[in-house]
């Protein structure tokens, strides 16, 4: 049975460090921030800061779909994302 690790924490709390360590042990690492950066560039430099969440929204959904596909394929997954709000954590747990 595949394992999903959902990391929750504020910026700078070590989520990416833990996610990268797990990736080194075979987990598929999915990072919302890195995907937003890949698609749109740097926050506040390549696009206005107040547009981050509108750019993030479709990325979160795409990563959620990939998260489910990876688990269905039997792969262990670690989600590198803040998950600050309870409703957000609950939604990912249901996925």
N, C-alpha and C. Protein backbone atom coordinates (compact mmCIF):
# COMPACT_ATOMS: atom_id res chain seq x y z
N UNK A 1 0.85 -1.18 0.00
CA UNK A 1 0.00 0.00 0.00
C UNK A 1 0.89 1.24 0.00
N UNK A 2 0.63 2.19 -0.90
CA UNK A 2 1.46 3.40 -0.96
C UNK A 2 1.21 4.30 0.24
N UNK A 3 2.20 5.11 0.54
CA UNK A 3 2.12 6.04 1.66
C UNK A 3 2.13 7.47 1.14
N UNK A 4 1.23 8.30 1.69
CA UNK A 4 1.20 9.73 1.36
C UNK A 4 1.60 10.50 2.61
N UNK A 5 2.56 11.41 2.46
CA UNK A 5 3.00 12.27 3.55
C UNK A 5 2.57 13.69 3.20
N UNK A 6 1.75 14.29 4.06
CA UNK A 6 1.28 15.66 3.89
C UNK A 6 2.00 16.51 4.92
N UNK A 7 2.81 17.43 4.47
CA UNK A 7 3.57 18.30 5.36
C UNK A 7 2.80 19.59 5.59
N UNK A 8 2.71 20.01 6.83
CA UNK A 8 2.03 21.25 7.17
C UNK A 8 2.98 22.11 7.98
N UNK A 9 3.00 23.41 7.68
CA UNK A 9 3.84 24.30 8.45
C UNK A 9 4.02 25.63 7.75
N UNK A 10 4.47 26.61 8.53
CA UNK A 10 4.68 27.94 7.99
C UNK A 10 5.95 27.98 7.13
N UNK A 11 6.11 29.05 6.39
CA UNK A 11 7.29 29.25 5.56
C UNK A 11 8.55 29.17 6.43
N UNK A 12 9.52 28.41 5.96
CA UNK A 12 10.79 28.30 6.68
C UNK A 12 10.81 27.26 7.79
N UNK A 13 9.74 26.47 7.93
CA UNK A 13 9.67 25.51 9.02
C UNK A 13 10.37 24.18 8.72
N UNK A 14 10.83 23.99 7.47
CA UNK A 14 11.57 22.78 7.13
C UNK A 14 10.83 21.77 6.28
N UNK A 15 9.67 22.15 5.75
CA UNK A 15 8.88 21.22 4.93
C UNK A 15 9.67 20.74 3.72
N UNK A 16 10.32 21.66 3.02
CA UNK A 16 11.06 21.29 1.81
C UNK A 16 12.24 20.40 2.16
N UNK A 17 12.90 20.67 3.26
CA UNK A 17 14.03 19.83 3.70
C UNK A 17 13.57 18.40 3.95
N UNK A 18 12.45 18.25 4.65
CA UNK A 18 11.90 16.91 4.92
C UNK A 18 11.45 16.25 3.61
N UNK A 19 10.77 17.01 2.76
CA UNK A 19 10.28 16.45 1.49
C UNK A 19 11.44 15.98 0.62
N UNK A 20 12.50 16.75 0.56
CA UNK A 20 13.66 16.34 -0.23
C UNK A 20 14.32 15.10 0.35
N UNK A 21 14.38 15.00 1.66
CA UNK A 21 14.93 13.81 2.29
C UNK A 21 14.10 12.58 1.95
N UNK A 22 12.78 12.72 2.00
CA UNK A 22 11.91 11.60 1.63
C UNK A 22 12.05 11.24 0.15
N UNK A 23 12.22 12.25 -0.69
CA UNK A 23 12.43 11.98 -2.13
C UNK A 23 13.70 11.15 -2.32
N UNK A 24 14.68 11.40 -1.49
CA UNK A 24 15.91 10.62 -1.55
C UNK A 24 15.72 9.16 -1.15
N UNK A 25 14.57 8.87 -0.54
CA UNK A 25 14.22 7.50 -0.15
C UNK A 25 13.13 6.93 -1.05
N UNK A 26 12.94 7.52 -2.21
CA UNK A 26 12.03 6.96 -3.20
C UNK A 26 10.64 7.58 -3.28
N UNK A 27 10.34 8.54 -2.44
CA UNK A 27 9.03 9.20 -2.51
C UNK A 27 8.98 10.15 -3.71
N UNK A 28 7.82 10.24 -4.33
CA UNK A 28 7.58 11.24 -5.36
C UNK A 28 7.29 12.54 -4.63
N UNK A 29 8.12 13.56 -4.86
CA UNK A 29 7.94 14.85 -4.21
C UNK A 29 7.15 15.78 -5.12
N UNK A 30 6.06 16.31 -4.61
CA UNK A 30 5.24 17.26 -5.34
C UNK A 30 5.27 18.59 -4.59
N UNK A 31 5.71 19.65 -5.27
CA UNK A 31 5.86 20.96 -4.63
C UNK A 31 5.03 22.01 -5.37
N UNK A 32 4.05 22.57 -4.69
CA UNK A 32 3.22 23.61 -5.26
C UNK A 32 4.05 24.85 -5.57
N UNK A 33 4.85 25.31 -4.61
CA UNK A 33 5.65 26.53 -4.81
C UNK A 33 6.59 26.40 -6.00
N UNK A 34 7.25 25.27 -6.13
CA UNK A 34 8.19 25.10 -7.24
C UNK A 34 7.48 25.07 -8.59
N UNK A 35 6.29 24.51 -8.62
CA UNK A 35 5.53 24.49 -9.87
C UNK A 35 5.03 25.88 -10.24
N UNK A 36 4.58 26.65 -9.24
CA UNK A 36 4.18 28.04 -9.51
C UNK A 36 5.38 28.81 -10.04
N UNK A 37 6.53 28.62 -9.43
CA UNK A 37 7.76 29.31 -9.88
C UNK A 37 8.13 28.90 -11.30
N UNK A 38 8.04 27.60 -11.60
CA UNK A 38 8.38 27.11 -12.94
C UNK A 38 7.46 27.73 -14.00
N UNK A 39 6.19 27.84 -13.68
CA UNK A 39 5.22 28.35 -14.64
C UNK A 39 5.20 29.87 -14.75
N UNK A 40 5.42 30.57 -13.62
CA UNK A 40 5.18 32.01 -13.58
C UNK A 40 6.38 32.86 -13.18
N UNK A 41 7.44 32.26 -12.73
CA UNK A 41 8.60 33.04 -12.32
C UNK A 41 8.60 33.35 -10.84
N UNK A 42 9.29 34.40 -10.48
CA UNK A 42 9.51 34.76 -9.08
C UNK A 42 8.41 35.65 -8.53
N UNK A 43 7.96 35.29 -7.35
CA UNK A 43 6.94 36.02 -6.61
C UNK A 43 7.36 37.48 -6.42
N UNK A 44 6.52 38.40 -6.85
CA UNK A 44 6.80 39.81 -6.65
C UNK A 44 7.83 40.40 -7.60
N UNK A 45 8.43 39.57 -8.45
CA UNK A 45 9.42 40.05 -9.42
C UNK A 45 8.88 39.88 -10.83
N UNK A 46 8.50 38.64 -11.16
CA UNK A 46 7.99 38.35 -12.50
C UNK A 46 6.48 38.51 -12.61
N UNK A 47 5.81 38.62 -11.49
CA UNK A 47 4.37 38.87 -11.47
C UNK A 47 4.04 39.58 -10.16
N UNK A 48 2.96 40.34 -10.13
CA UNK A 48 2.59 41.09 -8.92
C UNK A 48 2.26 40.15 -7.76
N UNK A 49 2.69 40.52 -6.57
CA UNK A 49 2.46 39.71 -5.38
C UNK A 49 0.98 39.40 -5.16
N UNK A 50 0.12 40.37 -5.46
CA UNK A 50 -1.31 40.16 -5.20
C UNK A 50 -1.98 39.18 -6.17
N UNK A 51 -1.22 38.65 -7.13
CA UNK A 51 -1.79 37.66 -8.06
C UNK A 51 -1.32 36.24 -7.76
N UNK A 52 -0.58 36.06 -6.67
CA UNK A 52 -0.04 34.73 -6.38
C UNK A 52 -1.14 33.68 -6.25
N UNK A 53 -2.15 33.96 -5.46
CA UNK A 53 -3.16 32.94 -5.20
C UNK A 53 -3.97 32.56 -6.44
N UNK A 54 -4.19 33.49 -7.33
CA UNK A 54 -4.88 33.13 -8.57
C UNK A 54 -3.98 32.27 -9.45
N UNK A 55 -2.68 32.44 -9.37
CA UNK A 55 -1.74 31.60 -10.10
C UNK A 55 -1.57 30.24 -9.42
N UNK A 56 -1.66 30.24 -8.10
CA UNK A 56 -1.48 29.01 -7.34
C UNK A 56 -2.66 28.05 -7.50
N UNK A 57 -3.88 28.58 -7.56
CA UNK A 57 -5.09 27.76 -7.56
C UNK A 57 -5.06 26.63 -8.61
N UNK A 58 -4.80 26.90 -9.90
CA UNK A 58 -4.79 25.80 -10.87
C UNK A 58 -3.61 24.84 -10.65
N UNK A 59 -2.52 25.35 -10.10
CA UNK A 59 -1.37 24.49 -9.81
C UNK A 59 -1.73 23.49 -8.72
N UNK A 60 -2.42 23.96 -7.68
CA UNK A 60 -2.84 23.07 -6.60
C UNK A 60 -3.73 21.96 -7.15
N UNK A 61 -4.65 22.32 -8.02
CA UNK A 61 -5.55 21.31 -8.58
C UNK A 61 -4.79 20.30 -9.44
N UNK A 62 -3.87 20.78 -10.27
CA UNK A 62 -3.06 19.87 -11.10
C UNK A 62 -2.22 18.94 -10.23
N UNK A 63 -1.65 19.47 -9.17
CA UNK A 63 -0.83 18.63 -8.29
C UNK A 63 -1.72 17.65 -7.53
N UNK A 64 -2.92 18.06 -7.16
CA UNK A 64 -3.84 17.13 -6.49
C UNK A 64 -4.15 15.95 -7.41
N UNK A 65 -4.37 16.23 -8.68
CA UNK A 65 -4.65 15.15 -9.64
C UNK A 65 -3.44 14.22 -9.78
N UNK A 66 -2.26 14.80 -9.84
CA UNK A 66 -1.04 13.98 -9.94
C UNK A 66 -0.82 13.18 -8.66
N UNK A 67 -1.09 13.78 -7.53
CA UNK A 67 -0.99 13.13 -6.22
C UNK A 67 -1.84 11.85 -6.22
N UNK A 68 -3.09 11.97 -6.65
CA UNK A 68 -3.99 10.82 -6.69
C UNK A 68 -3.49 9.76 -7.66
N UNK A 69 -3.05 10.19 -8.85
CA UNK A 69 -2.54 9.24 -9.85
C UNK A 69 -1.33 8.47 -9.33
N UNK A 70 -0.42 9.17 -8.67
CA UNK A 70 0.77 8.51 -8.13
C UNK A 70 0.39 7.47 -7.09
N UNK A 71 -0.53 7.81 -6.21
CA UNK A 71 -0.97 6.86 -5.19
C UNK A 71 -1.68 5.67 -5.83
N UNK A 72 -2.53 5.94 -6.82
CA UNK A 72 -3.23 4.85 -7.52
C UNK A 72 -2.25 3.92 -8.21
N UNK A 73 -1.11 4.47 -8.64
CA UNK A 73 -0.08 3.66 -9.30
C UNK A 73 0.79 2.91 -8.29
N UNK A 74 0.52 3.14 -7.00
CA UNK A 74 1.27 2.43 -5.97
C UNK A 74 2.54 3.12 -5.51
N UNK A 75 2.70 4.39 -5.86
CA UNK A 75 3.90 5.14 -5.50
C UNK A 75 3.70 5.92 -4.21
N UNK A 76 4.73 5.96 -3.38
CA UNK A 76 4.72 6.80 -2.18
C UNK A 76 4.90 8.25 -2.62
N UNK A 77 4.20 9.16 -1.94
CA UNK A 77 4.19 10.57 -2.33
C UNK A 77 4.37 11.45 -1.11
N UNK A 78 5.14 12.53 -1.28
CA UNK A 78 5.23 13.56 -0.24
C UNK A 78 4.80 14.88 -0.86
N UNK A 79 3.87 15.56 -0.20
CA UNK A 79 3.37 16.85 -0.67
C UNK A 79 4.10 17.96 0.06
N UNK A 80 4.84 18.76 -0.69
CA UNK A 80 5.59 19.89 -0.15
C UNK A 80 4.74 21.15 -0.36
N UNK A 81 3.88 21.41 0.62
CA UNK A 81 2.93 22.52 0.54
C UNK A 81 2.54 22.89 1.97
N UNK A 82 2.22 24.14 2.22
CA UNK A 82 1.98 24.62 3.58
C UNK A 82 0.81 24.00 4.32
N UNK A 83 -0.32 23.80 3.65
CA UNK A 83 -1.51 23.24 4.28
C UNK A 83 -1.84 23.91 5.61
N UNK A 84 -1.88 25.23 5.60
CA UNK A 84 -2.09 25.99 6.83
C UNK A 84 -3.50 25.86 7.37
N UNK A 85 -4.47 25.80 6.48
CA UNK A 85 -5.86 25.78 6.93
C UNK A 85 -6.36 24.35 7.11
N UNK A 86 -7.16 24.14 8.13
CA UNK A 86 -7.70 22.81 8.43
C UNK A 86 -8.48 22.25 7.23
N UNK A 87 -9.30 23.08 6.60
CA UNK A 87 -10.10 22.62 5.46
C UNK A 87 -9.21 22.12 4.33
N UNK A 88 -8.09 22.78 4.14
CA UNK A 88 -7.15 22.37 3.10
C UNK A 88 -6.53 21.01 3.44
N UNK A 89 -6.13 20.84 4.70
CA UNK A 89 -5.56 19.55 5.13
C UNK A 89 -6.59 18.45 4.96
N UNK A 90 -7.84 18.72 5.34
CA UNK A 90 -8.89 17.73 5.22
C UNK A 90 -9.13 17.33 3.77
N UNK A 91 -9.11 18.31 2.86
CA UNK A 91 -9.33 18.02 1.44
C UNK A 91 -8.22 17.11 0.89
N UNK A 92 -6.98 17.37 1.28
CA UNK A 92 -5.88 16.52 0.82
C UNK A 92 -5.97 15.12 1.43
N UNK A 93 -6.40 15.02 2.66
CA UNK A 93 -6.56 13.70 3.28
C UNK A 93 -7.63 12.90 2.54
N UNK A 94 -8.70 13.55 2.13
CA UNK A 94 -9.75 12.85 1.38
C UNK A 94 -9.23 12.39 0.02
N UNK A 95 -8.37 13.19 -0.59
CA UNK A 95 -7.81 12.81 -1.90
C UNK A 95 -7.03 11.52 -1.76
